[in-house]
Amino acid sequence: MKYATPAVFEDSNLEISLTDTASKLSARLFEAIDSWRERRKKRAHLYGMSAHLLRDIGLSRGEVMFLSNQQFWGE
């Protein structure tokens, strides 16, 4: 197993690597937040649907209540 020496860090693009990592992390965070918002909006839309429309798509009011009471990060 090789260990990094100070000379390795001097020659590397560590700053660019850290910036790239932070950029990827923030992109994933924004994607997760966007996904959570979208899920919350869909659940709210289902909650507002009439019983007739819910039957048309194969859901019961109980299933919608269960979904709407789940945490926003849950599937």
C-alpha atoms as a PDB file:
ATOM      1  CA  MET A   1       0.000   0.000   0.000  1.00  0.00           C
ATOM      2  CA  LYS A   2       1.389   3.388  -0.978  1.00  0.00           C
ATOM      3  CA  TYR A   3       1.058   6.409   1.217  1.00  0.00           C
ATOM      4  CA  ALA A   4       0.906   9.967  -0.030  1.00  0.00           C
ATOM      5  CA  THR A   5       3.945  12.024   0.709  1.00  0.00           C
ATOM      6  CA  PRO A   6       4.048  15.835   0.872  1.00  0.00           C
ATOM      7  CA  ALA A   7       5.714  15.876  -2.550  1.00  0.00           C
ATOM      8  CA  VAL A   8       2.704  14.088  -4.033  1.00  0.00           C
ATOM      9  CA  PHE A   9       0.374  16.798  -2.756  1.00  0.00           C
ATOM     10  CA  GLU A  10       2.567  19.614  -4.037  1.00  0.00           C
ATOM     11  CA  ASP A  11       2.404  18.290  -7.581  1.00  0.00           C
ATOM     12  CA  SER A  12      -1.251  17.298  -7.573  1.00  0.00           C
ATOM     13  CA  ASN A  13      -4.291  19.352  -8.343  1.00  0.00           C
ATOM     14  CA  LEU A  14      -5.751  18.879  -4.882  1.00  0.00           C
ATOM     15  CA  GLU A  15      -7.542  22.237  -4.937  1.00  0.00           C
ATOM     16  CA  ILE A  16      -9.250  21.406  -8.231  1.00  0.00           C
ATOM     17  CA  SER A  17     -10.153  17.975  -6.916  1.00  0.00           C
ATOM     18  CA  LEU A  18     -11.757  19.435  -3.785  1.00  0.00           C
ATOM     19  CA  THR A  19     -13.676  21.994  -5.845  1.00  0.00           C
ATOM     20  CA  ASP A  20     -14.902  19.257  -8.167  1.00  0.00           C
ATOM     21  CA  THR A  21     -15.956  17.110  -5.212  1.00  0.00           C
ATOM     22  CA  ALA A  22     -17.827  20.016  -3.602  1.00  0.00           C
ATOM     23  CA  SER A  23     -19.506  20.761  -6.915  1.00  0.00           C
ATOM     24  CA  LYS A  24     -20.654  17.156  -7.314  1.00  0.00           C
ATOM     25  CA  LEU A  25     -21.871  17.046  -3.729  1.00  0.00           C
ATOM     26  CA  SER A  26     -23.891  20.239  -4.095  1.00  0.00           C
ATOM     27  CA  ALA A  27     -25.367  18.981  -7.383  1.00  0.00           C
ATOM     28  CA  ARG A  28     -26.488  15.757  -5.683  1.00  0.00           C
ATOM     29  CA  LEU A  29     -27.964  17.735  -2.799  1.00  0.00           C
ATOM     30  CA  PHE A  30     -29.977  19.943  -5.159  1.00  0.00           C
ATOM     31  CA  GLU A  31     -31.165  16.862  -7.065  1.00  0.00           C
ATOM     32  CA  ALA A  32     -32.335  15.284  -3.810  1.00  0.00           C
ATOM     33  CA  ILE A  33     -34.163  18.435  -2.742  1.00  0.00           C
ATOM     34  CA  ASP A  34     -35.794  18.714  -6.150  1.00  0.00           C
ATOM     35  CA  SER A  35     -36.865  15.078  -5.952  1.00  0.00           C
ATOM     36  CA  TRP A  36     -38.343  15.631  -2.477  1.00  0.00           C
ATOM     37  CA  ARG A  37     -40.287  18.685  -3.677  1.00  0.00           C
ATOM     38  CA  GLU A  38     -41.613  16.806  -6.670  1.00  0.00           C
ATOM     39  CA  ARG A  39     -42.690  13.885  -4.484  1.00  0.00           C
ATOM     40  CA  ARG A  40     -44.438  16.241  -2.062  1.00  0.00           C
ATOM     41  CA  LYS A  41     -46.309  17.958  -4.916  1.00  0.00           C
ATOM     42  CA  LYS A  42     -47.444  14.637  -6.368  1.00  0.00           C
ATOM     43  CA  ARG A  43     -48.703  13.447  -2.992  1.00  0.00           C
ATOM     44  CA  ALA A  44     -50.571  16.708  -2.455  1.00  0.00           C
ATOM     45  CA  HIS A  45     -52.133  16.365  -5.914  1.00  0.00           C
ATOM     46  CA  LEU A  46     -53.266  12.818  -5.137  1.00  0.00           C
ATOM     47  CA  TYR A  47     -54.669  13.968  -1.799  1.00  0.00           C
ATOM     48  CA  GLY A  48     -56.823  16.556  -3.574  1.00  0.00           C
ATOM     49  CA  MET A  49     -58.274  14.140  -6.131  1.00  0.00           C
ATOM     50  CA  SER A  50     -61.866  12.970  -5.951  1.00  0.00           C
ATOM     51  CA  ALA A  51     -62.758   9.377  -5.091  1.00  0.00           C
ATOM     52  CA  HIS A  52     -63.902   8.872  -8.684  1.00  0.00           C
ATOM     53  CA  LEU A  53     -60.527   9.898 -10.125  1.00  0.00           C
ATOM     54  CA  LEU A  54     -58.676   7.796  -7.560  1.00  0.00           C
ATOM     55  CA  ARG A  55     -60.705   4.739  -8.564  1.00  0.00           C
ATOM     56  CA  ASP A  56     -59.812   5.444 -12.204  1.00  0.00           C
ATOM     57  CA  ILE A  57     -56.110   5.208 -11.427  1.00  0.00           C
ATOM     58  CA  GLY A  58     -56.519   2.260  -9.098  1.00  0.00           C
ATOM     59  CA  LEU A  59     -55.943   3.891  -5.724  1.00  0.00           C
ATOM     60  CA  SER A  60     -58.121   3.991  -2.642  1.00  0.00           C
ATOM     61  CA  ARG A  61     -58.509   6.967  -0.325  1.00  0.00           C
ATOM     62  CA  GLY A  62     -56.722   4.928   2.361  1.00  0.00           C
ATOM     63  CA  GLU A  63     -53.683   4.400   0.121  1.00  0.00           C
ATOM     64  CA  VAL A  64     -53.565   8.111  -0.648  1.00  0.00           C
ATOM     65  CA  MET A  65     -53.816   8.957   3.052  1.00  0.00           C
ATOM     66  CA  PHE A  66     -50.957   6.551   3.751  1.00  0.00           C
ATOM     67  CA  LEU A  67     -48.817   8.108   1.009  1.00  0.00           C
ATOM     68  CA  SER A  68     -49.593  11.673   2.018  1.00  0.00           C
ATOM     69  CA  ASN A  69     -48.588  10.976   5.628  1.00  0.00           C
ATOM     70  CA  GLN A  70     -45.151   9.613   4.699  1.00  0.00           C
ATOM     71  CA  GLN A  71     -42.048  11.706   5.192  1.00  0.00           C
ATOM     72  CA  PHE A  72     -40.989  13.723   2.149  1.00  0.00           C
ATOM     73  CA  TRP A  73     -37.758  11.757   1.754  1.00  0.00           C
ATOM     74  CA  GLY A  74     -39.539   8.372   1.798  1.00  0.00           C
ATOM     75  CA  GLU A  75     -40.368   6.535  -1.377  1.00  0.00           C
END
